[in-house]
């Protein structure tokens, strides 16, 4: 098996096409690095949005639960309700 380039200098010169070869390598690596950074950033944003929505939904459920409990309690103690009139009649 023969090496494609006999020396490191010949490897870096790429047979006279070093500018184009190394430029394409750099552009490719920068693009891949950009995709990785964007993916990580987008994932963090997405997870933060999910946490915000879950927190909001939990607050809404808690608020509805409290409102329902308050409504049920106010129905029981409302003046003129059958329970309160029985107490007054006795």
N, C-alpha and C. Protein backbone atom coordinates (compact mmCIF):
# COMPACT_ATOMS: atom_id res chain seq x y z
N UNK A 1 0.85 -1.17 0.00
CA UNK A 1 0.00 0.00 0.00
C UNK A 1 0.90 1.24 0.00
N UNK A 2 0.70 2.11 -0.93
CA UNK A 2 1.52 3.31 -1.06
C UNK A 2 0.79 4.50 -0.47
N UNK A 3 1.55 5.41 0.13
CA UNK A 3 0.98 6.64 0.66
C UNK A 3 0.65 7.57 -0.50
N UNK A 4 -0.43 8.34 -0.35
CA UNK A 4 -0.82 9.26 -1.41
C UNK A 4 0.15 10.42 -1.53
N UNK A 5 0.75 10.82 -0.42
CA UNK A 5 1.69 11.94 -0.41
C UNK A 5 2.98 11.47 0.25
N UNK A 6 4.12 11.72 -0.38
CA UNK A 6 5.38 11.25 0.19
C UNK A 6 5.84 12.03 1.43
N UNK A 7 5.43 13.30 1.57
CA UNK A 7 5.84 14.11 2.71
C UNK A 7 4.64 14.89 3.24
N UNK A 8 4.80 15.44 4.44
CA UNK A 8 3.74 16.27 5.02
C UNK A 8 3.58 17.55 4.21
N UNK A 9 4.67 18.08 3.69
CA UNK A 9 4.60 19.29 2.88
C UNK A 9 3.75 19.03 1.63
N UNK A 10 3.93 17.90 1.00
CA UNK A 10 3.13 17.56 -0.17
C UNK A 10 1.66 17.36 0.21
N UNK A 11 1.43 16.81 1.41
CA UNK A 11 0.05 16.64 1.88
C UNK A 11 -0.63 17.99 2.03
N UNK A 12 0.03 18.94 2.68
CA UNK A 12 -0.57 20.25 2.89
C UNK A 12 -0.68 21.04 1.59
N UNK A 13 0.21 20.79 0.62
CA UNK A 13 0.14 21.48 -0.68
C UNK A 13 -0.97 20.91 -1.55
N UNK A 14 -1.39 19.68 -1.31
CA UNK A 14 -2.47 19.01 -2.04
C UNK A 14 -2.29 19.10 -3.55
N UNK A 15 -1.11 18.91 -4.01
CA UNK A 15 -0.85 18.89 -5.45
C UNK A 15 -1.12 20.21 -6.13
N UNK A 16 -0.95 21.31 -5.42
CA UNK A 16 -1.18 22.63 -6.00
C UNK A 16 -2.60 23.14 -5.81
N UNK A 17 -3.46 22.37 -5.21
CA UNK A 17 -4.85 22.77 -4.98
C UNK A 17 -5.15 23.01 -3.51
N UNK A 18 -4.15 23.33 -2.74
CA UNK A 18 -4.29 23.47 -1.30
C UNK A 18 -5.34 24.51 -0.91
N UNK A 19 -5.36 25.67 -1.58
CA UNK A 19 -6.32 26.72 -1.23
C UNK A 19 -7.74 26.20 -1.32
N UNK A 20 -8.09 25.55 -2.40
CA UNK A 20 -9.46 25.07 -2.60
C UNK A 20 -9.80 23.91 -1.67
N UNK A 21 -8.86 23.02 -1.49
CA UNK A 21 -9.10 21.85 -0.64
C UNK A 21 -9.28 22.28 0.80
N UNK A 22 -8.34 23.07 1.32
CA UNK A 22 -8.41 23.46 2.73
C UNK A 22 -9.55 24.44 2.99
N UNK A 23 -9.86 25.27 2.00
CA UNK A 23 -11.01 26.16 2.15
C UNK A 23 -12.30 25.34 2.26
N UNK A 24 -12.44 24.33 1.44
CA UNK A 24 -13.65 23.49 1.52
C UNK A 24 -13.70 22.72 2.83
N UNK A 25 -12.55 22.28 3.32
CA UNK A 25 -12.50 21.60 4.62
C UNK A 25 -12.94 22.55 5.73
N UNK A 26 -12.44 23.77 5.70
CA UNK A 26 -12.79 24.76 6.74
C UNK A 26 -14.28 25.10 6.67
N UNK A 27 -14.79 25.32 5.47
CA UNK A 27 -16.22 25.65 5.31
C UNK A 27 -17.09 24.50 5.82
N UNK A 28 -16.70 23.28 5.51
CA UNK A 28 -17.45 22.12 5.98
C UNK A 28 -17.44 22.02 7.49
N UNK A 29 -16.27 22.17 8.11
CA UNK A 29 -16.18 22.08 9.57
C UNK A 29 -16.94 23.20 10.26
N UNK A 30 -16.85 24.42 9.72
CA UNK A 30 -17.59 25.55 10.30
C UNK A 30 -19.09 25.29 10.18
N UNK A 31 -19.53 24.77 9.04
CA UNK A 31 -20.96 24.47 8.86
C UNK A 31 -21.43 23.41 9.85
N UNK A 32 -20.66 22.37 10.00
CA UNK A 32 -21.03 21.31 10.95
C UNK A 32 -21.06 21.85 12.38
N UNK A 33 -20.07 22.65 12.74
CA UNK A 33 -20.04 23.24 14.07
C UNK A 33 -21.26 24.15 14.28
N UNK A 34 -21.62 24.92 13.24
CA UNK A 34 -22.81 25.79 13.33
C UNK A 34 -24.09 24.99 13.51
N UNK A 35 -24.20 23.88 12.81
CA UNK A 35 -25.38 23.02 12.96
C UNK A 35 -25.46 22.46 14.38
N UNK A 36 -24.33 22.05 14.92
CA UNK A 36 -24.31 21.51 16.29
C UNK A 36 -24.72 22.58 17.29
N UNK A 37 -24.14 23.78 17.16
CA UNK A 37 -24.47 24.88 18.08
C UNK A 37 -25.95 25.23 17.97
N UNK A 38 -26.46 25.32 16.76
CA UNK A 38 -27.87 25.66 16.57
C UNK A 38 -28.78 24.59 17.17
N UNK A 39 -28.42 23.33 16.99
CA UNK A 39 -29.22 22.23 17.52
C UNK A 39 -29.27 22.28 19.05
N UNK A 40 -28.11 22.50 19.67
CA UNK A 40 -28.06 22.58 21.14
C UNK A 40 -28.88 23.77 21.62
N UNK A 41 -28.73 24.91 20.98
CA UNK A 41 -29.47 26.12 21.37
C UNK A 41 -30.97 25.89 21.21
N UNK A 42 -31.37 25.33 20.08
CA UNK A 42 -32.80 25.11 19.82
C UNK A 42 -33.38 24.10 20.82
N UNK A 43 -32.63 23.08 21.16
CA UNK A 43 -33.09 22.09 22.13
C UNK A 43 -33.32 22.74 23.49
N UNK A 44 -32.39 23.58 23.90
CA UNK A 44 -32.55 24.28 25.19
C UNK A 44 -33.77 25.18 25.18
N UNK A 45 -33.98 25.90 24.07
CA UNK A 45 -35.14 26.77 23.96
C UNK A 45 -36.43 25.96 24.01
N UNK A 46 -36.44 24.84 23.32
CA UNK A 46 -37.62 23.99 23.29
C UNK A 46 -37.94 23.41 24.67
N UNK A 47 -36.92 22.95 25.37
CA UNK A 47 -37.14 22.42 26.72
C UNK A 47 -37.61 23.51 27.68
N UNK A 48 -37.07 24.71 27.53
CA UNK A 48 -37.52 25.83 28.38
C UNK A 48 -38.98 26.16 28.09
N UNK A 49 -39.37 26.14 26.83
CA UNK A 49 -40.76 26.41 26.47
C UNK A 49 -41.68 25.33 27.02
N UNK A 50 -41.25 24.09 26.97
CA UNK A 50 -42.06 22.99 27.52
C UNK A 50 -42.23 23.17 29.02
N UNK A 51 -41.14 23.53 29.72
CA UNK A 51 -41.23 23.76 31.17
C UNK A 51 -42.18 24.91 31.48
N UNK A 52 -42.12 26.00 30.68
CA UNK A 52 -43.02 27.14 30.90
C UNK A 52 -44.48 26.71 30.71
N UNK A 53 -44.75 25.96 29.65
CA UNK A 53 -46.13 25.53 29.40
C UNK A 53 -46.64 24.59 30.48
N UNK A 54 -45.80 23.66 30.91
CA UNK A 54 -46.22 22.74 31.97
C UNK A 54 -46.48 23.49 33.26
N UNK A 55 -45.65 24.45 33.57
CA UNK A 55 -45.85 25.25 34.77
C UNK A 55 -47.15 26.04 34.69
N UNK A 56 -47.41 26.62 33.53
CA UNK A 56 -48.64 27.38 33.34
C UNK A 56 -49.86 26.48 33.47
N UNK A 57 -49.81 25.30 32.83
CA UNK A 57 -50.94 24.37 32.93
C UNK A 57 -51.17 23.91 34.36
N UNK A 58 -50.09 23.71 35.10
CA UNK A 58 -50.22 23.31 36.49
C UNK A 58 -50.87 24.43 37.31
N UNK A 59 -50.46 25.68 37.05
CA UNK A 59 -51.07 26.80 37.77
C UNK A 59 -52.55 26.93 37.43
N UNK A 60 -52.90 26.70 36.16
CA UNK A 60 -54.31 26.78 35.76
C UNK A 60 -55.12 25.69 36.44
N UNK A 61 -54.58 24.46 36.47
CA UNK A 61 -55.29 23.36 37.14
C UNK A 61 -55.47 23.67 38.64
N UNK A 62 -54.42 24.18 39.26
CA UNK A 62 -54.49 24.51 40.69
C UNK A 62 -55.52 25.61 40.93
N UNK A 63 -55.54 26.60 40.06
CA UNK A 63 -56.51 27.69 40.21
C UNK A 63 -57.94 27.18 40.04
N UNK A 64 -58.16 26.31 39.05
CA UNK A 64 -59.50 25.75 38.85
C UNK A 64 -59.92 24.90 40.04
N UNK A 65 -58.97 24.16 40.59
CA UNK A 65 -59.26 23.32 41.75
C UNK A 65 -59.66 24.19 42.95
N UNK A 66 -58.93 25.27 43.17
CA UNK A 66 -59.24 26.17 44.27
C UNK A 66 -60.57 26.87 44.04
N UNK A 67 -60.82 27.29 42.79
CA UNK A 67 -62.09 27.95 42.49
C UNK A 67 -63.26 26.99 42.67
N UNK A 68 -63.08 25.74 42.28
CA UNK A 68 -64.13 24.75 42.43
C UNK A 68 -64.40 24.47 43.91
N UNK A 69 -63.34 24.37 44.68
CA UNK A 69 -63.51 24.14 46.12
C UNK A 69 -64.19 25.33 46.78
N UNK A 70 -63.83 26.53 46.40
CA UNK A 70 -64.45 27.73 46.96
C UNK A 70 -65.91 27.81 46.55
N UNK A 71 -66.20 27.44 45.33
CA UNK A 71 -67.58 27.46 44.85
C UNK A 71 -68.43 26.43 45.61
N UNK A 72 -67.89 25.24 45.82
CA UNK A 72 -68.62 24.22 46.57
C UNK A 72 -68.84 24.64 48.02
N UNK A 73 -67.85 25.27 48.62
CA UNK A 73 -67.99 25.74 50.00
C UNK A 73 -69.01 26.87 50.09
N UNK A 74 -69.04 27.75 49.11
CA UNK A 74 -69.99 28.86 49.16
C UNK A 74 -71.42 28.37 48.93
N UNK A 75 -71.61 27.31 48.16
CA UNK A 75 -72.94 26.75 47.95
C UNK A 75 -73.49 26.17 49.25
N UNK A 76 -72.62 25.55 50.03
CA UNK A 76 -73.07 24.93 51.28
C UNK A 76 -73.46 25.98 52.31
N UNK A 77 -72.76 27.06 52.37
CA UNK A 77 -73.00 28.05 53.42
C UNK A 77 -73.82 29.24 52.93
N UNK A 78 -74.40 29.16 51.76
CA UNK A 78 -75.15 30.29 51.21
C UNK A 78 -76.44 30.50 52.01
N UNK A 79 -76.76 31.75 52.31
CA UNK A 79 -78.01 32.02 53.03
C UNK A 79 -79.21 31.66 52.15
N UNK A 80 -80.22 31.12 52.75
CA UNK A 80 -81.41 30.72 52.01
C UNK A 80 -81.31 29.32 51.44
N UNK A 81 -80.20 28.66 51.66
CA UNK A 81 -80.08 27.29 51.18
C UNK A 81 -80.85 26.39 52.12
N UNK A 82 -81.26 25.21 51.69
CA UNK A 82 -82.07 24.31 52.53
C UNK A 82 -81.39 23.99 53.86
N UNK A 83 -80.08 23.87 53.89
CA UNK A 83 -79.41 23.56 55.14
C UNK A 83 -79.51 24.71 56.13
N UNK A 84 -79.36 25.93 55.66
CA UNK A 84 -79.39 27.06 56.58
C UNK A 84 -80.82 27.34 57.05
N UNK A 85 -81.85 27.09 56.25
CA UNK A 85 -83.22 27.33 56.68
C UNK A 85 -83.65 26.29 57.70
N UNK A 86 -83.18 25.06 57.57
CA UNK A 86 -83.51 24.03 58.55
C UNK A 86 -82.93 24.39 59.90
N UNK A 87 -81.73 24.92 59.89
CA UNK A 87 -81.10 25.29 61.16
C UNK A 87 -81.89 26.41 61.84
N UNK A 88 -82.39 27.35 61.04
CA UNK A 88 -83.14 28.45 61.62
C UNK A 88 -84.49 27.99 62.15
N UNK A 89 -85.12 27.03 61.50
CA UNK A 89 -86.42 26.56 61.91
C UNK A 89 -86.35 25.71 63.17
N UNK A 90 -85.28 25.04 63.40
CA UNK A 90 -85.19 24.14 64.54
C UNK A 90 -85.11 24.82 65.85
